[in-house]
Structure formats: C-alpha cells, structure tokens
Amino acid sequence: CRAAAALLDSLPGLRLRALSRWYATAPVPPTPGTPD
C-alpha cells in the first residue's frame, strides 16, 4: 500500500496531496482464515 501510494504521486497530471493513516480492518464479508 505504501509503494502504491508513492506511485499515485507519479500519475500524469496528478500529485499526491495527502495520505491517511493506515488502518487494519477485518474482511467484509467476514471470511474465516482471511487476513485483515
């Protein structure tokens, strides 16, 4: 995710202006054995 965010800043005609904190989230829908 961090590497992808850096690539967003290199999209033609766009600049990264802000990046949120990172969040861990349970899968939706809940799936046993699936990582957060």
ModelCIF file with pLDDT and N, C-alpha, C, O atoms, coordinates in Angstrom:
data_MODEL
#
_entry.id   MODEL 
#
_entity.id                         1 
_entity.type                       polymer 
_entity.pdbx_number_of_molecules   1 
#
_entity_poly.entity_id                      1 
_entity_poly.type                           'polypeptide(L)' 
_entity_poly.nstd_linkage                   no 
_entity_poly.nstd_monomer                   no 
_entity_poly.pdbx_seq_one_letter_code       CRAAAALLDSLPGLRLRALSRWYATAPVPPTPGTPD 
_entity_poly.pdbx_seq_one_letter_code_can   CRAAAALLDSLPGLRLRALSRWYATAPVPPTPGTPD 
_entity_poly.pdbx_strand_id                 A 
#
loop_
_entity_poly_seq.entity_id 
_entity_poly_seq.num 
_entity_poly_seq.mon_id 
_entity_poly_seq.hetero 
1 1  CYS n 
1 2  ARG n 
1 3  ALA n 
1 4  ALA n 
1 5  ALA n 
1 6  ALA n 
1 7  LEU n 
1 8  LEU n 
1 9  ASP n 
1 10 SER n 
1 11 LEU n 
1 12 PRO n 
1 13 GLY n 
1 14 LEU n 
1 15 ARG n 
1 16 LEU n 
1 17 ARG n 
1 18 ALA n 
1 19 LEU n 
1 20 SER n 
1 21 ARG n 
1 22 TRP n 
1 23 TYR n 
1 24 ALA n 
1 25 THR n 
1 26 ALA n 
1 27 PRO n 
1 28 VAL n 
1 29 PRO n 
1 30 PRO n 
1 31 THR n 
1 32 PRO n 
1 33 GLY n 
1 34 THR n 
1 35 PRO n 
1 36 ASP n 
#
_struct_asym.id          A 
_struct_asym.entity_id   1 
#
loop_
_ma_qa_metric.id 
_ma_qa_metric.mode 
_ma_qa_metric.name 
_ma_qa_metric.software_group_id 
_ma_qa_metric.type 
1 global pLDDT . pLDDT 
2 local  pLDDT . pLDDT 
#
_ma_qa_metric_global.metric_id      1 
_ma_qa_metric_global.metric_value   92.28 
_ma_qa_metric_global.model_id       1 
_ma_qa_metric_global.ordinal_id     1 
#
loop_
_ma_qa_metric_local.label_asym_id 
_ma_qa_metric_local.label_comp_id 
_ma_qa_metric_local.label_seq_id 
_ma_qa_metric_local.metric_id 
_ma_qa_metric_local.metric_value 
_ma_qa_metric_local.model_id 
_ma_qa_metric_local.ordinal_id 
A CYS 1  2 97.00 1 1  
A ARG 2  2 97.00 1 2  
A ALA 3  2 97.00 1 3  
A ALA 4  2 97.00 1 4  
A ALA 5  2 98.00 1 5  
A ALA 6  2 97.00 1 6  
A LEU 7  2 97.00 1 7  
A LEU 8  2 97.00 1 8  
A ASP 9  2 95.00 1 9  
A SER 10 2 92.00 1 10 
A LEU 11 2 94.00 1 11 
A PRO 12 2 90.00 1 12 
A GLY 13 2 91.00 1 13 
A LEU 14 2 96.00 1 14 
A ARG 15 2 96.00 1 15 
A LEU 16 2 97.00 1 16 
A ARG 17 2 97.00 1 17 
A ALA 18 2 98.00 1 18 
A LEU 19 2 98.00 1 19 
A SER 20 2 98.00 1 20 
A ARG 21 2 98.00 1 21 
A TRP 22 2 98.00 1 22 
A TYR 23 2 98.00 1 23 
A ALA 24 2 97.00 1 24 
A THR 25 2 92.00 1 25 
A ALA 26 2 88.00 1 26 
A PRO 27 2 86.00 1 27 
A VAL 28 2 75.00 1 28 
A PRO 29 2 74.00 1 29 
A PRO 30 2 77.00 1 30 
A THR 31 2 79.00 1 31 
A PRO 32 2 84.00 1 32 
A GLY 33 2 85.00 1 33 
A THR 34 2 87.00 1 34 
A PRO 35 2 92.00 1 35 
A ASP 36 2 93.00 1 36 
#
loop_
_atom_site.group_PDB 
_atom_site.id 
_atom_site.type_symbol 
_atom_site.label_atom_id 
_atom_site.label_alt_id 
_atom_site.label_comp_id 
_atom_site.label_asym_id 
_atom_site.label_entity_id 
_atom_site.label_seq_id 
_atom_site.pdbx_PDB_ins_code 
_atom_site.Cartn_x 
_atom_site.Cartn_y 
_atom_site.Cartn_z 
_atom_site.occupancy 
_atom_site.B_iso_or_equiv 
_atom_site.pdbx_formal_charge 
_atom_site.auth_seq_id 
_atom_site.auth_comp_id 
_atom_site.auth_asym_id 
_atom_site.auth_atom_id 
_atom_site.pdbx_PDB_model_num 
ATOM 1   N N  . CYS A 1 1  ? 0.832   -1.210  0.000   1.00 97.00 ? 1  CYS A N  1 
ATOM 2   C CA . CYS A 1 1  ? 0.000   0.000   0.000   1.00 97.00 ? 1  CYS A CA 1 
ATOM 3   C C  . CYS A 1 1  ? 0.862   1.254   0.000   1.00 97.00 ? 1  CYS A C  1 
ATOM 4   O O  . CYS A 1 1  ? 0.551   2.219   -0.699  1.00 97.00 ? 1  CYS A O  1 
ATOM 5   N N  . ARG A 1 2  ? 1.932   1.252   0.769   1.00 97.00 ? 2  ARG A N  1 
ATOM 6   C CA . ARG A 1 2  ? 2.827   2.423   0.780   1.00 97.00 ? 2  ARG A CA 1 
ATOM 7   C C  . ARG A 1 2  ? 3.456   2.646   -0.590  1.00 97.00 ? 2  ARG A C  1 
ATOM 8   O O  . ARG A 1 2  ? 3.540   3.780   -1.061  1.00 97.00 ? 2  ARG A O  1 
ATOM 9   N N  . ALA A 1 3  ? 3.900   1.564   -1.232  1.00 97.00 ? 3  ALA A N  1 
ATOM 10  C CA . ALA A 1 3  ? 4.513   1.681   -2.556  1.00 97.00 ? 3  ALA A CA 1 
ATOM 11  C C  . ALA A 1 3  ? 3.486   2.158   -3.587  1.00 97.00 ? 3  ALA A C  1 
ATOM 12  O O  . ALA A 1 3  ? 3.805   2.970   -4.455  1.00 97.00 ? 3  ALA A O  1 
ATOM 13  N N  . ALA A 1 4  ? 2.271   1.659   -3.490  1.00 97.00 ? 4  ALA A N  1 
ATOM 14  C CA . ALA A 1 4  ? 1.222   2.090   -4.419  1.00 97.00 ? 4  ALA A CA 1 
ATOM 15  C C  . ALA A 1 4  ? 0.899   3.569   -4.226  1.00 97.00 ? 4  ALA A C  1 
ATOM 16  O O  . ALA A 1 4  ? 0.676   4.287   -5.201  1.00 97.00 ? 4  ALA A O  1 
ATOM 17  N N  . ALA A 1 5  ? 0.874   4.025   -2.981  1.00 98.00 ? 5  ALA A N  1 
ATOM 18  C CA . ALA A 1 5  ? 0.627   5.449   -2.719  1.00 98.00 ? 5  ALA A CA 1 
ATOM 19  C C  . ALA A 1 5  ? 1.701   6.312   -3.366  1.00 98.00 ? 5  ALA A C  1 
ATOM 20  O O  . ALA A 1 5  ? 1.403   7.372   -3.917  1.00 98.00 ? 5  ALA A O  1 
ATOM 21  N N  . ALA A 1 6  ? 2.945   5.862   -3.300  1.00 97.00 ? 6  ALA A N  1 
ATOM 22  C CA . ALA A 1 6  ? 4.029   6.611   -3.939  1.00 97.00 ? 6  ALA A CA 1 
ATOM 23  C C  . ALA A 1 6  ? 3.820   6.667   -5.453  1.00 97.00 ? 6  ALA A C  1 
ATOM 24  O O  . ALA A 1 6  ? 4.108   7.684   -6.084  1.00 97.00 ? 6  ALA A O  1 
ATOM 25  N N  . LEU A 1 7  ? 3.321   5.577   -6.033  1.00 97.00 ? 7  LEU A N  1 
ATOM 26  C CA . LEU A 1 7  ? 3.067   5.576   -7.476  1.00 97.00 ? 7  LEU A CA 1 
ATOM 27  C C  . LEU A 1 7  ? 1.914   6.500   -7.858  1.00 97.00 ? 7  LEU A C  1 
ATOM 28  O O  . LEU A 1 7  ? 1.905   7.050   -8.959  1.00 97.00 ? 7  LEU A O  1 
ATOM 29  N N  . LEU A 1 8  ? 0.947   6.676   -6.967  1.00 97.00 ? 8  LEU A N  1 
ATOM 30  C CA . LEU A 1 8  ? -0.145  7.607   -7.263  1.00 97.00 ? 8  LEU A CA 1 
ATOM 31  C C  . LEU A 1 8  ? 0.394   9.013   -7.516  1.00 97.00 ? 8  LEU A C  1 
ATOM 32  O O  . LEU A 1 8  ? -0.157  9.767   -8.318  1.00 97.00 ? 8  LEU A O  1 
ATOM 33  N N  . ASP A 1 9  ? 1.479   9.353   -6.818  1.00 95.00 ? 9  ASP A N  1 
ATOM 34  C CA . ASP A 1 9  ? 2.072   10.683  -6.983  1.00 95.00 ? 9  ASP A CA 1 
ATOM 35  C C  . ASP A 1 9  ? 2.742   10.846  -8.349  1.00 95.00 ? 9  ASP A C  1 
ATOM 36  O O  . ASP A 1 9  ? 3.060   11.964  -8.757  1.00 95.00 ? 9  ASP A O  1 
ATOM 37  N N  . SER A 1 10 ? 2.955   9.739   -9.051  1.00 92.00 ? 10 SER A N  1 
ATOM 38  C CA . SER A 1 10 ? 3.599   9.830   -10.360 1.00 92.00 ? 10 SER A CA 1 
ATOM 39  C C  . SER A 1 10 ? 2.606   9.701   -11.517 1.00 92.00 ? 10 SER A C  1 
ATOM 40  O O  . SER A 1 10 ? 3.014   9.657   -12.678 1.00 92.00 ? 10 SER A O  1 
ATOM 41  N N  . LEU A 1 11 ? 1.308   9.640   -11.213 1.00 94.00 ? 11 LEU A N  1 
ATOM 42  C CA . LEU A 1 11 ? 0.323   9.582   -12.294 1.00 94.00 ? 11 LEU A CA 1 
ATOM 43  C C  . LEU A 1 11 ? 0.371   10.886  -13.088 1.00 94.00 ? 11 LEU A C  1 
ATOM 44  O O  . LEU A 1 11 ? 0.490   11.962  -12.503 1.00 94.00 ? 11 LEU A O  1 
ATOM 45  N N  . PRO A 1 12 ? 0.281   10.797  -14.411 1.00 90.00 ? 12 PRO A N  1 
ATOM 46  C CA . PRO A 1 12 ? 0.356   12.009  -15.231 1.00 90.00 ? 12 PRO A CA 1 
ATOM 47  C C  . PRO A 1 12 ? -0.711  13.035  -14.840 1.00 90.00 ? 12 PRO A C  1 
ATOM 48  O O  . PRO A 1 12 ? -1.900  12.724  -14.770 1.00 90.00 ? 12 PRO A O  1 
ATOM 49  N N  . GLY A 1 13 ? -0.264  14.245  -14.593 1.00 91.00 ? 13 GLY A N  1 
ATOM 50  C CA . GLY A 1 13 ? -1.171  15.342  -14.296 1.00 91.00 ? 13 GLY A CA 1 
ATOM 51  C C  . GLY A 1 13 ? -1.758  15.334  -12.904 1.00 91.00 ? 13 GLY A C  1 
ATOM 52  O O  . GLY A 1 13 ? -2.679  16.102  -12.628 1.00 91.00 ? 13 GLY A O  1 
ATOM 53  N N  . LEU A 1 14 ? -1.251  14.481  -12.006 1.00 96.00 ? 14 LEU A N  1 
ATOM 54  C CA . LEU A 1 14 ? -1.765  14.432  -10.641 1.00 96.00 ? 14 LEU A CA 1 
ATOM 55  C C  . LEU A 1 14 ? -0.630  14.438  -9.635  1.00 96.00 ? 14 LEU A C  1 
ATOM 56  O O  . LEU A 1 14 ? 0.479   13.984  -9.917  1.00 96.00 ? 14 LEU A O  1 
ATOM 57  N N  . ARG A 1 15 ? -0.932  14.961  -8.459  1.00 96.00 ? 15 ARG A N  1 
ATOM 58  C CA . ARG A 1 15 ? 0.031   14.944  -7.357  1.00 96.00 ? 15 ARG A CA 1 
ATOM 59  C C  . ARG A 1 15 ? -0.673  14.470  -6.099  1.00 96.00 ? 15 ARG A C  1 
ATOM 60  O O  . ARG A 1 15 ? -1.835  14.796  -5.856  1.00 96.00 ? 15 ARG A O  1 
ATOM 61  N N  . LEU A 1 16 ? 0.048   13.696  -5.307  1.00 97.00 ? 16 LEU A N  1 
ATOM 62  C CA . LEU A 1 16 ? -0.449  13.244  -4.012  1.00 97.00 ? 16 LEU A CA 1 
ATOM 63  C C  . LEU A 1 16 ? -0.421  14.434  -3.067  1.00 97.00 ? 16 LEU A C  1 
ATOM 64  O O  . LEU A 1 16 ? 0.643   14.997  -2.810  1.00 97.00 ? 16 LEU A O  1 
ATOM 65  N N  . ARG A 1 17 ? -1.572  14.820  -2.550  1.00 97.00 ? 17 ARG A N  1 
ATOM 66  C CA . ARG A 1 17 ? -1.678  15.962  -1.649  1.00 97.00 ? 17 ARG A CA 1 
ATOM 67  C C  . ARG A 1 17 ? -1.779  15.545  -0.191  1.00 97.00 ? 17 ARG A C  1 
ATOM 68  O O  . ARG A 1 17 ? -1.368  16.297  0.693   1.00 97.00 ? 17 ARG A O  1 
ATOM 69  N N  . ALA A 1 18 ? -2.320  14.359  0.077   1.00 98.00 ? 18 ALA A N  1 
ATOM 70  C CA . ALA A 1 18 ? -2.442  13.883  1.455   1.00 98.00 ? 18 ALA A CA 1 
ATOM 71  C C  . ALA A 1 18 ? -2.622  12.370  1.436   1.00 98.00 ? 18 ALA A C  1 
ATOM 72  O O  . ALA A 1 18 ? -3.199  11.803  0.509   1.00 98.00 ? 18 ALA A O  1 
ATOM 73  N N  . LEU A 1 19 ? -2.112  11.738  2.484   1.00 98.00 ? 19 LEU A N  1 
ATOM 74  C CA . LEU A 1 19 ? -2.250  10.299  2.659   1.00 98.00 ? 19 LEU A CA 1 
ATOM 75  C C  . LEU A 1 19 ? -2.697  10.055  4.094   1.00 98.00 ? 19 LEU A C  1 
ATOM 76  O O  . LEU A 1 19 ? -2.108  10.580  5.039   1.00 98.00 ? 19 LEU A O  1 
ATOM 77  N N  . SER A 1 20 ? -3.736  9.256   4.243   1.00 98.00 ? 20 SER A N  1 
ATOM 78  C CA . SER A 1 20 ? -4.282  8.974   5.566   1.00 98.00 ? 20 SER A CA 1 
ATOM 79  C C  . SER A 1 20 ? -3.332  8.114   6.389   1.00 98.00 ? 20 SER A C  1 
ATOM 80  O O  . SER A 1 20 ? -2.310  7.625   5.906   1.00 98.00 ? 20 SER A O  1 
ATOM 81  N N  . ARG A 1 21 ? -3.709  7.956   7.635   1.00 98.00 ? 21 ARG A N  1 
ATOM 82  C CA . ARG A 1 21 ? -3.095  6.910   8.448   1.00 98.00 ? 21 ARG A CA 1 
ATOM 83  C C  . ARG A 1 21 ? -3.508  5.578   7.833   1.00 98.00 ? 21 ARG A C  1 
ATOM 84  O O  . ARG A 1 21 ? -4.448  5.511   7.042   1.00 98.00 ? 21 ARG A O  1 
ATOM 85  N N  . TRP A 1 22 ? -2.801  4.530   8.204   1.00 98.00 ? 22 TRP A N  1 
ATOM 86  C CA . TRP A 1 22 ? -3.153  3.186   7.747   1.00 98.00 ? 22 TRP A CA 1 
ATOM 87  C C  . TRP A 1 22 ? -4.024  2.526   8.805   1.00 98.00 ? 22 TRP A C  1 
ATOM 88  O O  . TRP A 1 22 ? -3.805  2.687   10.006  1.00 98.00 ? 22 TRP A O  1 
ATOM 89  N N  . TYR A 1 23 ? -5.002  1.790   8.337   1.00 98.00 ? 23 TYR A N  1 
ATOM 90  C CA . TYR A 1 23 ? -5.962  1.107   9.203   1.00 98.00 ? 23 TYR A CA 1 
ATOM 91  C C  . TYR A 1 23 ? -5.912  -0.391  8.923   1.00 98.00 ? 23 TYR A C  1 
ATOM 92  O O  . TYR A 1 23 ? -5.734  -0.818  7.782   1.00 98.00 ? 23 TYR A O  1 
ATOM 93  N N  . ALA A 1 24 ? -6.072  -1.175  9.977   1.00 97.00 ? 24 ALA A N  1 
ATOM 94  C CA . ALA A 1 24 ? -6.268  -2.616  9.827   1.00 97.00 ? 24 ALA A CA 1 
ATOM 95  C C  . ALA A 1 24 ? -7.757  -2.869  9.938   1.00 97.00 ? 24 ALA A C  1 
ATOM 96  O O  . ALA A 1 24 ? -8.414  -2.358  10.844  1.00 97.00 ? 24 ALA A O  1 
ATOM 97  N N  . THR A 1 25 ? -8.289  -3.656  9.018   1.00 92.00 ? 25 THR A N  1 
ATOM 98  C CA . THR A 1 25 ? -9.723  -3.907  9.029   1.00 92.00 ? 25 THR A CA 1 
ATOM 99  C C  . THR A 1 25 ? -10.015 -5.369  8.747   1.00 92.00 ? 25 THR A C  1 
ATOM 100 O O  . THR A 1 25 ? -9.344  -6.018  7.945   1.00 92.00 ? 25 THR A O  1 
ATOM 101 N N  . ALA A 1 26 ? -11.025 -5.863  9.421   1.00 88.00 ? 26 ALA A N  1 
ATOM 102 C CA . ALA A 1 26 ? -11.469 -7.233  9.201   1.00 88.00 ? 26 ALA A CA 1 
ATOM 103 C C  . ALA A 1 26 ? -12.100 -7.329  7.812   1.00 88.00 ? 26 ALA A C  1 
ATOM 104 O O  . ALA A 1 26 ? -12.705 -6.367  7.339   1.00 88.00 ? 26 ALA A O  1 
ATOM 105 N N  . PRO A 1 27 ? -11.963 -8.480  7.161   1.00 86.00 ? 27 PRO A N  1 
ATOM 106 C CA . PRO A 1 27 ? -12.571 -8.641  5.830   1.00 86.00 ? 27 PRO A CA 1 
ATOM 107 C C  . PRO A 1 27 ? -14.085 -8.470  5.874   1.00 86.00 ? 27 PRO A C  1 
ATOM 108 O O  . PRO A 1 27 ? -14.743 -8.864  6.837   1.00 86.00 ? 27 PRO A O  1 
ATOM 109 N N  . VAL A 1 28 ? -14.627 -7.871  4.806   1.00 75.00 ? 28 VAL A N  1 
ATOM 110 C CA . VAL A 1 28 ? -16.069 -7.705  4.634   1.00 75.00 ? 28 VAL A CA 1 
ATOM 111 C C  . VAL A 1 28 ? -16.436 -8.349  3.298   1.00 75.00 ? 28 VAL A C  1 
ATOM 112 O O  . VAL A 1 28 ? -15.954 -7.896  2.260   1.00 75.00 ? 28 VAL A O  1 
ATOM 113 N N  . PRO A 1 29 ? -17.270 -9.385  3.288   1.00 74.00 ? 29 PRO A N  1 
ATOM 114 C CA . PRO A 1 29 ? -17.878 -10.048 4.437   1.00 74.00 ? 29 PRO A CA 1 
ATOM 115 C C  . PRO A 1 29 ? -16.837 -10.843 5.212   1.00 74.00 ? 29 PRO A C  1 
ATOM 116 O O  . PRO A 1 29 ? -15.795 -11.197 4.662   1.00 74.00 ? 29 PRO A O  1 
ATOM 117 N N  . PRO A 1 30 ? -17.113 -11.130 6.501   1.00 77.00 ? 30 PRO A N  1 
ATOM 118 C CA . PRO A 1 30 ? -16.163 -11.902 7.308   1.00 77.00 ? 30 PRO A CA 1 
ATOM 119 C C  . PRO A 1 30 ? -15.908 -13.273 6.675   1.00 77.00 ? 30 PRO A C  1 
ATOM 120 O O  . PRO A 1 30 ? -16.836 -13.992 6.305   1.00 77.00 ? 30 PRO A O  1 
ATOM 121 N N  . THR A 1 31 ? -14.631 -13.606 6.565   1.00 79.00 ? 31 THR A N  1 
ATOM 122 C CA . THR A 1 31 ? -14.245 -14.878 5.966   1.00 79.00 ? 31 THR A CA 1 
ATOM 123 C C  . THR A 1 31 ? -13.205 -15.532 6.865   1.00 79.00 ? 31 THR A C  1 
ATOM 124 O O  . THR A 1 31 ? -12.097 -15.011 6.996   1.00 79.00 ? 31 THR A O  1 
ATOM 125 N N  . PRO A 1 32 ? -13.535 -16.661 7.488   1.00 84.00 ? 32 PRO A N  1 
ATOM 126 C CA . PRO A 1 32 ? -12.564 -17.320 8.380   1.00 84.00 ? 32 PRO A CA 1 
ATOM 127 C C  . PRO A 1 32 ? -11.253 -17.602 7.660   1.00 84.00 ? 32 PRO A C  1 
ATOM 128 O O  . PRO A 1 32 ? -11.238 -18.055 6.515   1.00 84.00 ? 32 PRO A O  1 
ATOM 129 N N  . GLY A 1 33 ? -10.156 -17.324 8.353   1.00 85.00 ? 33 GLY A N  1 
ATOM 130 C CA . GLY A 1 33 ? -8.831  -17.593 7.814   1.00 85.00 ? 33 GLY A CA 1 
ATOM 131 C C  . GLY A 1 33 ? -8.286  -16.544 6.872   1.00 85.00 ? 33 GLY A C  1 
ATOM 132 O O  . GLY A 1 33 ? -7.140  -16.646 6.435   1.00 85.00 ? 33 GLY A O  1 
ATOM 133 N N  . THR A 1 34 ? -9.087  -15.529 6.545   1.00 87.00 ? 34 THR A N  1 
ATOM 134 C CA . THR A 1 34 ? -8.631  -14.472 5.651   1.00 87.00 ? 34 THR A CA 1 
ATOM 135 C C  . THR A 1 34 ? -7.948  -13.392 6.480   1.00 87.00 ? 34 THR A C  1 
ATOM 136 O O  . THR A 1 34 ? -8.517  -12.919 7.463   1.00 87.00 ? 34 THR A O  1 
ATOM 137 N N  . PRO A 1 35 ? -6.729  -12.994 6.094   1.00 92.00 ? 35 PRO A N  1 
ATOM 138 C CA . PRO A 1 35 ? -6.036  -11.960 6.873   1.00 92.00 ? 35 PRO A CA 1 
ATOM 139 C C  . PRO A 1 35 ? -6.763  -10.621 6.831   1.00 92.00 ? 35 PRO A C  1 
ATOM 140 O O  . PRO A 1 35 ? -7.503  -10.321 5.893   1.00 92.00 ? 35 PRO A O  1 
ATOM 141 N N  . ASP A 1 36 ? -6.530  -9.818  7.885   1.00 93.00 ? 36 ASP A N  1 
ATOM 142 C CA . ASP A 1 36 ? -7.063  -8.456  7.906   1.00 93.00 ? 36 ASP A CA 1 
ATOM 143 C C  . ASP A 1 36 ? -6.500  -7.663  6.733   1.00 93.00 ? 36 ASP A C  1 
ATOM 144 O O  . ASP A 1 36 ? -6.826  -6.488  6.569   1.00 93.00 ? 36 ASP A O  1 
#
